[in-house]
Amino acid sequence: MRLRTFVITCTLAFALAPSAVSADWLFTPFVGPTFGGAANGERVTFGGSAAWLGGRIVGFEVDFGYSPEFFENDDAEFPVIEGSNLTTLMGNIIASVPVGGQKGSFRPYGSGGFGLIRSKVNDIDDFFDVSDTSFGFNLGGGAMAFITDTIAIRGDIRYFRSLQDAEEDDEFDFDASAFNFWRATVGVTFRF
């Protein structure tokens, strides 16, 4: 109940806040590979991000990624996994510096934050189906190259890692787990 009240309050605050002339909304659908760490070879991932840059420099970003067949082994002689996927949903702080002024055509940025990492694995016999949702974090960066005032090509690379409860007690204490991977994407950014 408290979470719903918080979400409604934040939504109303953003909707009723006076719009700043120098604020940008950015929407970026993307595609690219996941690799390294827990990724079983290079796997395709796709998704999107929505960002708000106040003063066009620092803002907030929501990033969603989906990677089908994330855990499957193509080289296995006797495959045991019939299907798998990995989904990430992160809330990030993003800092972007426009090169060449506020309407600069090249914008490098850094981003990082926390969210959820959900993994799902189905075996061939549906006997050992496993799904897990855990907290995680991501850090990364990239650049946007604007080809018009409202459209850019965006390249991005991020490191993801899940978090685990450090001790089995009722306290809020997390450590980084062994589950990690990288994601590199390219997308088209639309500025509003």
N, C-alpha and C. Protein backbone atom coordinates (compact mmCIF):
# COMPACT_ATOMS: atom_id res chain seq x y z
N MET A 1 0.82 -1.19 0.00
CA MET A 1 0.00 0.00 0.00
C MET A 1 0.87 1.25 0.00
N ARG A 2 1.95 1.27 0.79
CA ARG A 2 2.82 2.43 0.85
C ARG A 2 3.52 2.65 -0.49
N LEU A 3 3.91 1.58 -1.17
CA LEU A 3 4.57 1.70 -2.46
C LEU A 3 3.64 2.35 -3.49
N ARG A 4 2.38 1.95 -3.50
CA ARG A 4 1.43 2.52 -4.44
C ARG A 4 1.23 4.01 -4.17
N THR A 5 1.14 4.40 -2.92
CA THR A 5 1.00 5.81 -2.56
C THR A 5 2.23 6.60 -3.00
N PHE A 6 3.42 6.03 -2.81
CA PHE A 6 4.66 6.68 -3.23
C PHE A 6 4.68 6.89 -4.75
N VAL A 7 4.32 5.85 -5.51
CA VAL A 7 4.32 5.94 -6.97
C VAL A 7 3.31 6.99 -7.45
N ILE A 8 2.12 7.01 -6.86
CA ILE A 8 1.11 8.00 -7.25
C ILE A 8 1.59 9.41 -6.93
N THR A 9 2.21 9.60 -5.77
CA THR A 9 2.71 10.92 -5.38
C THR A 9 3.81 11.40 -6.33
N CYS A 10 4.75 10.50 -6.68
CA CYS A 10 5.82 10.87 -7.60
C CYS A 10 5.27 11.20 -8.99
N THR A 11 4.32 10.42 -9.46
CA THR A 11 3.71 10.67 -10.77
C THR A 11 3.02 12.02 -10.80
N LEU A 12 2.26 12.34 -9.76
CA LEU A 12 1.59 13.64 -9.70
C LEU A 12 2.60 14.78 -9.61
N ALA A 13 3.67 14.60 -8.86
CA ALA A 13 4.69 15.65 -8.73
C ALA A 13 5.33 15.95 -10.08
N PHE A 14 5.65 14.90 -10.84
CA PHE A 14 6.24 15.12 -12.16
C PHE A 14 5.23 15.75 -13.12
N ALA A 15 3.98 15.30 -13.05
CA ALA A 15 2.96 15.81 -13.98
C ALA A 15 2.60 17.26 -13.69
N LEU A 16 2.59 17.66 -12.42
CA LEU A 16 2.16 19.00 -12.06
C LEU A 16 3.32 20.00 -11.94
N ALA A 17 4.55 19.50 -11.99
CA ALA A 17 5.69 20.40 -11.88
C ALA A 17 5.78 21.27 -13.13
N PRO A 18 6.17 22.55 -12.95
CA PRO A 18 6.32 23.39 -14.14
C PRO A 18 7.44 22.84 -15.02
N SER A 19 7.20 22.86 -16.31
CA SER A 19 8.19 22.30 -17.22
C SER A 19 9.32 23.29 -17.43
N ALA A 20 10.53 22.80 -17.33
CA ALA A 20 11.69 23.64 -17.55
C ALA A 20 11.98 23.72 -19.04
N VAL A 21 12.35 24.88 -19.47
CA VAL A 21 12.63 25.07 -20.90
C VAL A 21 13.83 24.24 -21.32
N SER A 22 14.77 24.05 -20.40
CA SER A 22 16.00 23.36 -20.76
C SER A 22 15.97 21.87 -20.41
N ALA A 23 14.81 21.28 -20.19
CA ALA A 23 14.73 19.86 -19.85
C ALA A 23 14.44 19.04 -21.10
N ASP A 24 15.01 17.86 -21.17
CA ASP A 24 14.81 16.95 -22.30
C ASP A 24 14.23 15.63 -21.82
N TRP A 25 13.31 15.10 -22.59
CA TRP A 25 12.86 13.71 -22.45
C TRP A 25 13.51 12.94 -23.58
N LEU A 26 14.11 11.79 -23.26
CA LEU A 26 14.77 10.96 -24.26
C LEU A 26 14.19 9.55 -24.22
N PHE A 27 13.85 9.02 -25.38
CA PHE A 27 13.38 7.64 -25.48
C PHE A 27 14.27 6.91 -26.47
N THR A 28 14.81 5.75 -26.06
CA THR A 28 15.75 5.01 -26.90
C THR A 28 15.41 3.53 -26.94
N PRO A 29 14.86 3.03 -28.06
CA PRO A 29 14.81 1.57 -28.25
C PRO A 29 16.21 1.11 -28.66
N PHE A 30 16.63 -0.09 -28.17
CA PHE A 30 18.00 -0.54 -28.47
C PHE A 30 18.05 -2.04 -28.71
N VAL A 31 19.18 -2.48 -29.27
CA VAL A 31 19.47 -3.90 -29.49
C VAL A 31 20.99 -4.07 -29.41
N GLY A 32 21.43 -5.26 -28.98
CA GLY A 32 22.86 -5.54 -28.89
C GLY A 32 23.12 -6.85 -28.18
N PRO A 33 24.39 -7.19 -27.97
CA PRO A 33 24.73 -8.46 -27.31
C PRO A 33 24.95 -8.32 -25.81
N THR A 34 24.68 -9.42 -25.08
CA THR A 34 25.15 -9.58 -23.71
C THR A 34 26.33 -10.53 -23.80
N PHE A 35 27.31 -10.36 -22.92
CA PHE A 35 28.51 -11.19 -22.99
C PHE A 35 29.22 -11.17 -21.64
N GLY A 36 30.17 -12.09 -21.48
CA GLY A 36 30.99 -12.14 -20.28
C GLY A 36 30.20 -12.63 -19.07
N GLY A 37 30.91 -12.97 -18.03
CA GLY A 37 30.29 -13.41 -16.78
C GLY A 37 29.36 -14.59 -16.97
N ALA A 38 28.10 -14.44 -16.55
CA ALA A 38 27.12 -15.53 -16.60
C ALA A 38 26.54 -15.75 -17.98
N ALA A 39 26.75 -14.83 -18.91
CA ALA A 39 26.21 -15.00 -20.26
C ALA A 39 26.89 -16.18 -20.92
N ASN A 40 26.10 -17.08 -21.46
CA ASN A 40 26.64 -18.27 -22.10
C ASN A 40 26.92 -17.95 -23.57
N GLY A 41 28.06 -17.33 -23.82
CA GLY A 41 28.37 -16.84 -25.15
C GLY A 41 27.69 -15.48 -25.35
N GLU A 42 27.74 -14.98 -26.56
CA GLU A 42 27.06 -13.73 -26.86
C GLU A 42 25.60 -14.00 -27.18
N ARG A 43 24.72 -13.29 -26.50
CA ARG A 43 23.28 -13.43 -26.71
C ARG A 43 22.70 -12.08 -27.05
N VAL A 44 21.70 -12.07 -27.89
CA VAL A 44 21.06 -10.81 -28.27
C VAL A 44 20.19 -10.30 -27.12
N THR A 45 20.19 -9.02 -26.95
CA THR A 45 19.30 -8.38 -25.98
C THR A 45 18.63 -7.21 -26.68
N PHE A 46 17.42 -6.92 -26.28
CA PHE A 46 16.74 -5.75 -26.82
C PHE A 46 15.90 -5.14 -25.73
N GLY A 47 15.54 -3.89 -25.90
CA GLY A 47 14.77 -3.20 -24.88
C GLY A 47 14.69 -1.73 -25.18
N GLY A 48 14.61 -0.94 -24.13
CA GLY A 48 14.49 0.49 -24.29
C GLY A 48 14.79 1.22 -23.01
N SER A 49 15.06 2.50 -23.16
CA SER A 49 15.25 3.35 -21.98
C SER A 49 14.50 4.65 -22.19
N ALA A 50 14.03 5.20 -21.10
CA ALA A 50 13.38 6.50 -21.10
C ALA A 50 14.10 7.34 -20.06
N ALA A 51 14.52 8.54 -20.47
CA ALA A 51 15.31 9.39 -19.58
C ALA A 51 14.76 10.80 -19.58
N TRP A 52 14.93 11.44 -18.44
CA TRP A 52 14.61 12.85 -18.29
C TRP A 52 15.87 13.54 -17.83
N LEU A 53 16.31 14.54 -18.59
CA LEU A 53 17.51 15.30 -18.24
C LEU A 53 17.11 16.71 -17.86
N GLY A 54 17.17 17.02 -16.59
CA GLY A 54 16.90 18.37 -16.12
C GLY A 54 18.10 19.25 -16.41
N GLY A 55 17.87 20.42 -16.99
CA GLY A 55 18.97 21.29 -17.37
C GLY A 55 19.83 20.65 -18.43
N ARG A 56 19.32 19.57 -19.02
CA ARG A 56 19.98 18.81 -20.08
C ARG A 56 21.34 18.23 -19.66
N ILE A 57 21.57 18.07 -18.37
CA ILE A 57 22.86 17.53 -17.93
C ILE A 57 22.66 16.32 -17.02
N VAL A 58 21.95 16.47 -15.90
CA VAL A 58 21.75 15.38 -14.94
C VAL A 58 20.27 15.02 -14.90
N GLY A 59 19.99 13.73 -14.83
CA GLY A 59 18.60 13.32 -14.79
C GLY A 59 18.42 11.90 -14.31
N PHE A 60 17.28 11.34 -14.65
CA PHE A 60 16.87 10.02 -14.21
C PHE A 60 16.53 9.19 -15.44
N GLU A 61 16.84 7.90 -15.38
CA GLU A 61 16.60 7.00 -16.51
C GLU A 61 15.99 5.70 -16.01
N VAL A 62 15.05 5.17 -16.77
CA VAL A 62 14.51 3.83 -16.54
C VAL A 62 14.96 2.99 -17.73
N ASP A 63 15.62 1.87 -17.43
CA ASP A 63 16.20 1.02 -18.48
C ASP A 63 15.61 -0.38 -18.37
N PHE A 64 15.10 -0.90 -19.49
CA PHE A 64 14.51 -2.24 -19.54
C PHE A 64 15.23 -3.04 -20.62
N GLY A 65 15.69 -4.25 -20.27
CA GLY A 65 16.34 -5.13 -21.25
C GLY A 65 15.81 -6.54 -21.15
N TYR A 66 15.72 -7.22 -22.29
CA TYR A 66 15.25 -8.60 -22.34
C TYR A 66 16.20 -9.40 -23.22
N SER A 67 16.70 -10.52 -22.68
CA SER A 67 17.64 -11.38 -23.41
C SER A 67 17.10 -12.80 -23.46
N PRO A 68 16.51 -13.22 -24.59
CA PRO A 68 16.07 -14.61 -24.72
C PRO A 68 17.27 -15.54 -24.88
N GLU A 69 17.11 -16.79 -24.46
CA GLU A 69 18.14 -17.83 -24.58
C GLU A 69 19.44 -17.47 -23.87
N PHE A 70 19.36 -16.71 -22.79
CA PHE A 70 20.54 -16.20 -22.10
C PHE A 70 21.43 -17.32 -21.55
N PHE A 71 20.83 -18.39 -21.01
CA PHE A 71 21.61 -19.44 -20.34
C PHE A 71 21.85 -20.67 -21.22
N GLU A 72 21.34 -20.70 -22.43
CA GLU A 72 21.43 -21.90 -23.25
C GLU A 72 22.83 -22.07 -23.83
N ASN A 73 23.25 -23.34 -23.93
CA ASN A 73 24.57 -23.69 -24.44
C ASN A 73 24.42 -24.31 -25.82
N ASP A 74 24.81 -23.59 -26.85
CA ASP A 74 24.68 -24.08 -28.22
C ASP A 74 25.65 -25.21 -28.53
N ASP A 75 26.75 -25.31 -27.76
CA ASP A 75 27.78 -26.32 -28.03
C ASP A 75 27.55 -27.64 -27.28
N ALA A 76 26.52 -27.71 -26.45
CA ALA A 76 26.29 -28.92 -25.66
C ALA A 76 25.84 -30.07 -26.55
N GLU A 77 26.47 -31.25 -26.35
CA GLU A 77 26.10 -32.44 -27.12
C GLU A 77 24.71 -32.92 -26.73
N PHE A 78 24.40 -32.84 -25.45
CA PHE A 78 23.08 -33.21 -24.94
C PHE A 78 22.50 -32.02 -24.18
N PRO A 79 21.80 -31.14 -24.87
CA PRO A 79 21.28 -29.95 -24.19
C PRO A 79 20.22 -30.32 -23.15
N VAL A 80 20.28 -29.65 -22.01
CA VAL A 80 19.31 -29.90 -20.95
C VAL A 80 18.37 -28.71 -20.74
N ILE A 81 18.72 -27.57 -21.32
CA ILE A 81 17.89 -26.38 -21.18
C ILE A 81 17.07 -26.19 -22.44
N GLU A 82 15.75 -26.13 -22.27
CA GLU A 82 14.86 -25.95 -23.41
C GLU A 82 14.62 -24.48 -23.71
N GLY A 83 14.59 -23.66 -22.71
CA GLY A 83 14.36 -22.23 -22.89
C GLY A 83 14.84 -21.46 -21.68
N SER A 84 15.27 -20.23 -21.92
CA SER A 84 15.72 -19.38 -20.82
C SER A 84 15.62 -17.93 -21.26
N ASN A 85 15.59 -17.05 -20.28
CA ASN A 85 15.64 -15.63 -20.59
C ASN A 85 16.11 -14.86 -19.37
N LEU A 86 16.50 -13.64 -19.62
CA LEU A 86 16.94 -12.74 -18.57
C LEU A 86 16.30 -11.38 -18.82
N THR A 87 15.71 -10.80 -17.78
CA THR A 87 15.07 -9.50 -17.88
C THR A 87 15.67 -8.57 -16.84
N THR A 88 15.99 -7.35 -17.23
CA THR A 88 16.49 -6.36 -16.30
C THR A 88 15.60 -5.12 -16.32
N LEU A 89 15.40 -4.52 -15.17
CA LEU A 89 14.67 -3.26 -15.04
C LEU A 89 15.41 -2.43 -14.01
N MET A 90 16.01 -1.33 -14.48
CA MET A 90 16.86 -0.51 -13.63
C MET A 90 16.40 0.94 -13.60
N GLY A 91 16.53 1.55 -12.45
CA GLY A 91 16.35 2.99 -12.30
C GLY A 91 17.72 3.61 -12.09
N ASN A 92 18.10 4.53 -12.96
CA ASN A 92 19.46 5.05 -12.97
C ASN A 92 19.51 6.57 -12.85
N ILE A 93 20.62 7.05 -12.36
CA ILE A 93 20.99 8.46 -12.48
C ILE A 93 21.85 8.55 -13.74
N ILE A 94 21.58 9.54 -14.56
CA ILE A 94 22.34 9.72 -15.79
C ILE A 94 22.90 11.14 -15.83
N ALA A 95 24.16 11.27 -16.21
CA ALA A 95 24.80 12.58 -16.37
C ALA A 95 25.35 12.66 -17.78
N SER A 96 24.93 13.69 -18.50
CA SER A 96 25.31 13.85 -19.90
C SER A 96 25.81 15.27 -20.13
N VAL A 97 26.96 15.39 -20.73
CA VAL A 97 27.54 16.70 -21.01
C VAL A 97 27.48 16.96 -22.51
N PRO A 98 26.68 17.96 -22.93
CA PRO A 98 26.62 18.27 -24.36
C PRO A 98 27.90 18.95 -24.82
N VAL A 99 28.49 18.41 -25.87
CA VAL A 99 29.69 19.01 -26.45
C VAL A 99 29.22 20.02 -27.49
N GLY A 100 29.65 21.26 -27.35
CA GLY A 100 29.23 22.30 -28.28
C GLY A 100 28.00 23.05 -27.82
N GLY A 101 27.76 23.14 -26.49
CA GLY A 101 26.61 23.89 -25.98
C GLY A 101 25.44 23.00 -25.64
N GLN A 102 24.35 23.61 -25.15
CA GLN A 102 23.18 22.86 -24.70
C GLN A 102 22.54 22.05 -25.82
N LYS A 103 22.58 22.52 -27.03
CA LYS A 103 22.01 21.77 -28.15
C LYS A 103 23.10 21.00 -28.91
N GLY A 104 24.19 20.68 -28.19
CA GLY A 104 25.33 20.02 -28.82
C GLY A 104 24.94 18.75 -29.53
N SER A 105 25.64 18.47 -30.61
CA SER A 105 25.29 17.30 -31.41
C SER A 105 25.94 16.02 -30.90
N PHE A 106 26.91 16.11 -29.99
CA PHE A 106 27.56 14.93 -29.43
C PHE A 106 27.46 15.01 -27.92
N ARG A 107 26.93 13.94 -27.29
CA ARG A 107 26.70 13.96 -25.85
C ARG A 107 27.20 12.68 -25.19
N PRO A 108 28.43 12.66 -24.66
CA PRO A 108 28.85 11.51 -23.86
C PRO A 108 28.11 11.52 -22.52
N TYR A 109 27.92 10.34 -21.93
CA TYR A 109 27.19 10.26 -20.67
C TYR A 109 27.68 9.09 -19.84
N GLY A 110 27.37 9.15 -18.56
CA GLY A 110 27.59 8.06 -17.63
C GLY A 110 26.27 7.76 -16.94
N SER A 111 26.08 6.52 -16.54
CA SER A 111 24.81 6.12 -15.94
C SER A 111 25.05 4.99 -14.94
N GLY A 112 24.25 4.98 -13.89
CA GLY A 112 24.34 3.90 -12.92
C GLY A 112 23.15 3.92 -11.98
N GLY A 113 22.80 2.75 -11.48
CA GLY A 113 21.68 2.67 -10.57
C GLY A 113 21.36 1.25 -10.15
N PHE A 114 20.18 1.10 -9.55
CA PHE A 114 19.75 -0.18 -9.00
C PHE A 114 18.41 -0.59 -9.59
N GLY A 115 18.11 -1.88 -9.48
CA GLY A 115 16.84 -2.38 -9.96
C GLY A 115 16.71 -3.87 -9.77
N LEU A 116 15.99 -4.50 -10.70
CA LEU A 116 15.70 -5.93 -10.61
C LEU A 116 16.33 -6.69 -11.77
N ILE A 117 16.81 -7.89 -11.47
CA ILE A 117 17.31 -8.83 -12.48
C ILE A 117 16.51 -10.11 -12.31
N ARG A 118 15.78 -10.50 -13.36
CA ARG A 118 14.95 -11.71 -13.31
C ARG A 118 15.47 -12.71 -14.33
N SER A 119 15.75 -13.91 -13.85
CA SER A 119 16.21 -14.98 -14.73
C SER A 119 15.23 -16.14 -14.69
N LYS A 120 15.09 -16.81 -15.84
CA LYS A 120 14.19 -17.95 -15.94
C LYS A 120 14.85 -19.02 -16.80
N VAL A 121 14.83 -20.27 -16.31
CA VAL A 121 15.41 -21.40 -17.03
C VAL A 121 14.41 -22.55 -17.02
N ASN A 122 14.14 -23.11 -18.20
CA ASN A 122 13.27 -24.28 -18.33
C ASN A 122 14.09 -25.44 -18.84
N ASP A 123 14.03 -26.60 -18.16
CA ASP A 123 14.74 -27.76 -18.68
C ASP A 123 13.83 -28.51 -19.66
N ILE A 124 14.38 -29.48 -20.34
CA ILE A 124 13.65 -30.19 -21.39
C ILE A 124 12.44 -30.92 -20.84
N ASP A 125 12.54 -31.49 -19.64
CA ASP A 125 11.44 -32.27 -19.07
C ASP A 125 10.53 -31.44 -18.16
N ASP A 126 10.75 -30.14 -18.07
CA ASP A 126 9.98 -29.27 -17.17
C ASP A 126 10.05 -29.74 -15.72
N PHE A 127 11.17 -30.38 -15.35
CA PHE A 127 11.32 -30.90 -14.00
C PHE A 127 12.07 -29.92 -13.11
N PHE A 128 13.08 -29.26 -13.67
CA PHE A 128 13.90 -28.34 -12.89
C PHE A 128 13.74 -26.90 -13.37
N ASP A 129 12.52 -26.48 -13.64
CA ASP A 129 12.29 -25.10 -14.05
C ASP A 129 12.64 -24.17 -12.89
N VAL A 130 13.42 -23.15 -13.19
CA VAL A 130 13.90 -22.24 -12.16
C VAL A 130 13.66 -20.81 -12.60
N SER A 131 13.12 -20.00 -11.71
CA SER A 131 13.06 -18.57 -11.96
C SER A 131 13.47 -17.84 -10.69
N ASP A 132 14.16 -16.72 -10.87
CA ASP A 132 14.67 -15.98 -9.73
C ASP A 132 14.62 -14.50 -10.04
N THR A 133 14.18 -13.73 -9.07
CA THR A 133 14.21 -12.28 -9.18
C THR A 133 15.05 -11.76 -8.03
N SER A 134 16.07 -10.98 -8.35
CA SER A 134 16.93 -10.43 -7.31
C SER A 134 17.23 -8.96 -7.59
N PHE A 135 17.67 -8.28 -6.56
CA PHE A 135 18.12 -6.91 -6.73
C PHE A 135 19.47 -6.93 -7.44
N GLY A 136 19.76 -5.85 -8.14
CA GLY A 136 21.03 -5.75 -8.81
C GLY A 136 21.38 -4.30 -9.09
N PHE A 137 22.56 -4.10 -9.66
CA PHE A 137 22.97 -2.76 -10.04
C PHE A 137 23.60 -2.79 -11.42
N ASN A 138 23.71 -1.63 -12.04
CA ASN A 138 24.38 -1.50 -13.32
C ASN A 138 25.16 -0.19 -13.36
N LEU A 139 26.28 -0.22 -14.06
CA LEU A 139 27.13 0.96 -14.28
C LEU A 139 27.54 0.96 -15.73
N GLY A 140 27.57 2.12 -16.33
CA GLY A 140 28.00 2.17 -17.72
C GLY A 140 28.05 3.57 -18.27
N GLY A 141 28.14 3.62 -19.56
CA GLY A 141 28.20 4.91 -20.23
C GLY A 141 28.13 4.72 -21.72
N GLY A 142 28.22 5.82 -22.40
CA GLY A 142 28.16 5.79 -23.85
C GLY A 142 28.11 7.20 -24.41
N ALA A 143 27.52 7.31 -25.59
CA ALA A 143 27.42 8.62 -26.23
C ALA A 143 26.23 8.64 -27.17
N MET A 144 25.68 9.84 -27.33
CA MET A 144 24.61 10.08 -28.29
C MET A 144 25.14 11.07 -29.33
N ALA A 145 24.96 10.73 -30.60
CA ALA A 145 25.35 11.62 -31.69
C ALA A 145 24.07 12.05 -32.40
N PHE A 146 23.70 13.32 -32.22
CA PHE A 146 22.45 13.82 -32.80
C PHE A 146 22.64 14.13 -34.28
N ILE A 147 21.78 13.52 -35.10
CA ILE A 147 21.82 13.79 -36.54
C ILE A 147 20.82 14.88 -36.92
N THR A 148 19.85 15.12 -36.04
CA THR A 148 18.94 16.27 -36.15
C THR A 148 18.77 16.81 -34.73
N ASP A 149 17.94 17.82 -34.54
CA ASP A 149 17.71 18.34 -33.19
C ASP A 149 16.98 17.34 -32.31
N THR A 150 16.28 16.37 -32.89
CA THR A 150 15.45 15.46 -32.09
C THR A 150 15.80 13.98 -32.25
N ILE A 151 16.72 13.61 -33.11
CA ILE A 151 17.05 12.20 -33.35
C ILE A 151 18.56 12.00 -33.25
N ALA A 152 18.95 10.95 -32.49
CA ALA A 152 20.37 10.64 -32.31
C ALA A 152 20.60 9.15 -32.43
N ILE A 153 21.83 8.78 -32.73
CA ILE A 153 22.28 7.39 -32.66
C ILE A 153 23.01 7.27 -31.32
N ARG A 154 22.68 6.22 -30.57
CA ARG A 154 23.23 6.05 -29.22
C ARG A 154 23.97 4.73 -29.12
N GLY A 155 25.19 4.77 -28.61
CA GLY A 155 25.96 3.58 -28.29
C GLY A 155 26.14 3.50 -26.78
N ASP A 156 26.01 2.31 -26.20
CA ASP A 156 25.99 2.17 -24.75
C ASP A 156 26.64 0.86 -24.35
N ILE A 157 27.42 0.86 -23.27
CA ILE A 157 27.94 -0.37 -22.69
C ILE A 157 27.73 -0.31 -21.18
N ARG A 158 27.24 -1.43 -20.61
CA ARG A 158 26.92 -1.47 -19.18
C ARG A 158 27.35 -2.79 -18.55
N TYR A 159 27.69 -2.70 -17.29
CA TYR A 159 28.01 -3.87 -16.47
C TYR A 159 26.86 -4.08 -15.49
N PHE A 160 26.35 -5.31 -15.43
CA PHE A 160 25.25 -5.67 -14.52
C PHE A 160 25.75 -6.69 -13.51
N ARG A 161 25.29 -6.57 -12.28
CA ARG A 161 25.63 -7.55 -11.25
C ARG A 161 24.47 -7.66 -10.27
N SER A 162 24.15 -8.88 -9.89
CA SER A 162 23.06 -9.06 -8.92
C SER A 162 23.61 -8.95 -7.50
N LEU A 163 22.70 -8.69 -6.58
CA LEU A 163 23.05 -8.57 -5.17
C LEU A 163 22.42 -9.73 -4.41
N GLN A 164 23.07 -10.16 -3.34
CA GLN A 164 22.53 -11.23 -2.51
C GLN A 164 22.55 -10.78 -1.06
N ASP A 165 21.67 -11.36 -0.27
CA ASP A 165 21.62 -11.05 1.15
C ASP A 165 22.89 -11.58 1.81
N ALA A 166 23.64 -10.70 2.47
CA ALA A 166 24.92 -11.09 3.06
C ALA A 166 24.76 -12.09 4.20
N GLU A 167 23.70 -11.91 5.00
CA GLU A 167 23.44 -12.82 6.11
C GLU A 167 21.96 -13.11 6.17
N GLU A 168 21.61 -14.33 6.51
CA GLU A 168 20.21 -14.73 6.60
C GLU A 168 19.59 -14.21 7.89
N ASP A 169 19.38 -12.91 7.96
CA ASP A 169 18.70 -12.30 9.09
C ASP A 169 17.69 -11.30 8.53
N ASP A 170 17.04 -10.56 9.37
CA ASP A 170 16.03 -9.62 8.92
C ASP A 170 16.59 -8.23 8.67
N GLU A 171 17.90 -8.10 8.56
CA GLU A 171 18.51 -6.80 8.32
C GLU A 171 18.75 -6.59 6.83
N PHE A 172 18.81 -5.33 6.44
CA PHE A 172 19.01 -4.95 5.05
C PHE A 172 20.51 -4.84 4.79
N ASP A 173 21.14 -5.96 4.40
CA ASP A 173 22.56 -5.96 4.10
C ASP A 173 22.82 -6.83 2.87
N PHE A 174 23.34 -6.21 1.83
CA PHE A 174 23.57 -6.89 0.57
C PHE A 174 25.03 -6.90 0.20
N ASP A 175 25.45 -7.98 -0.47
CA ASP A 175 26.77 -8.09 -1.07
C ASP A 175 26.59 -8.40 -2.54
N ALA A 176 27.60 -8.11 -3.34
CA ALA A 176 27.56 -8.46 -4.75
C ALA A 176 27.66 -9.98 -4.88
N SER A 177 26.81 -10.56 -5.72
CA SER A 177 26.85 -12.00 -5.94
C SER A 177 27.79 -12.30 -7.11
N ALA A 178 27.92 -13.58 -7.45
CA ALA A 178 28.77 -13.98 -8.56
C ALA A 178 28.10 -13.78 -9.91
N PHE A 179 26.79 -13.53 -9.94
CA PHE A 179 26.06 -13.40 -11.20
C PHE A 179 26.27 -12.01 -11.79
N ASN A 180 26.95 -11.95 -12.93
CA ASN A 180 27.23 -10.68 -13.58
C ASN A 180 27.35 -10.88 -15.09
N PHE A 181 27.24 -9.81 -15.84
CA PHE A 181 27.41 -9.85 -17.29
C PHE A 181 27.54 -8.42 -17.81
N TRP A 182 27.93 -8.31 -19.07
CA TRP A 182 28.04 -7.03 -19.77
C TRP A 182 26.98 -6.96 -20.86
N ARG A 183 26.59 -5.73 -21.21
CA ARG A 183 25.65 -5.53 -22.31
C ARG A 183 26.12 -4.33 -23.12
N ALA A 184 26.24 -4.53 -24.44
CA ALA A 184 26.58 -3.43 -25.35
C ALA A 184 25.41 -3.27 -26.31
N THR A 185 24.94 -2.04 -26.48
CA THR A 185 23.77 -1.82 -27.34
C THR A 185 23.97 -0.62 -28.24
N VAL A 186 23.19 -0.60 -29.29
CA VAL A 186 23.08 0.57 -30.16
C VAL A 186 21.59 0.84 -30.34
N GLY A 187 21.22 2.11 -30.39
CA GLY A 187 19.82 2.45 -30.51
C GLY A 187 19.62 3.80 -31.15
N VAL A 188 18.38 4.13 -31.38
CA VAL A 188 18.00 5.43 -31.91
C VAL A 188 17.30 6.19 -30.79
N THR A 189 17.81 7.38 -30.47
CA THR A 189 17.26 8.21 -29.40
C THR A 189 16.37 9.29 -30.00
N PHE A 190 15.18 9.41 -29.40
CA PHE A 190 14.24 10.46 -29.79
C PHE A 190 14.15 11.46 -28.65
N ARG A 191 14.41 12.73 -28.94
CA ARG A 191 14.39 13.78 -27.92
C ARG A 191 13.10 14.57 -28.03
N PHE A 192 12.42 14.76 -26.89
CA PHE A 192 11.15 15.52 -26.86
C PHE A 192 11.33 16.75 -25.99
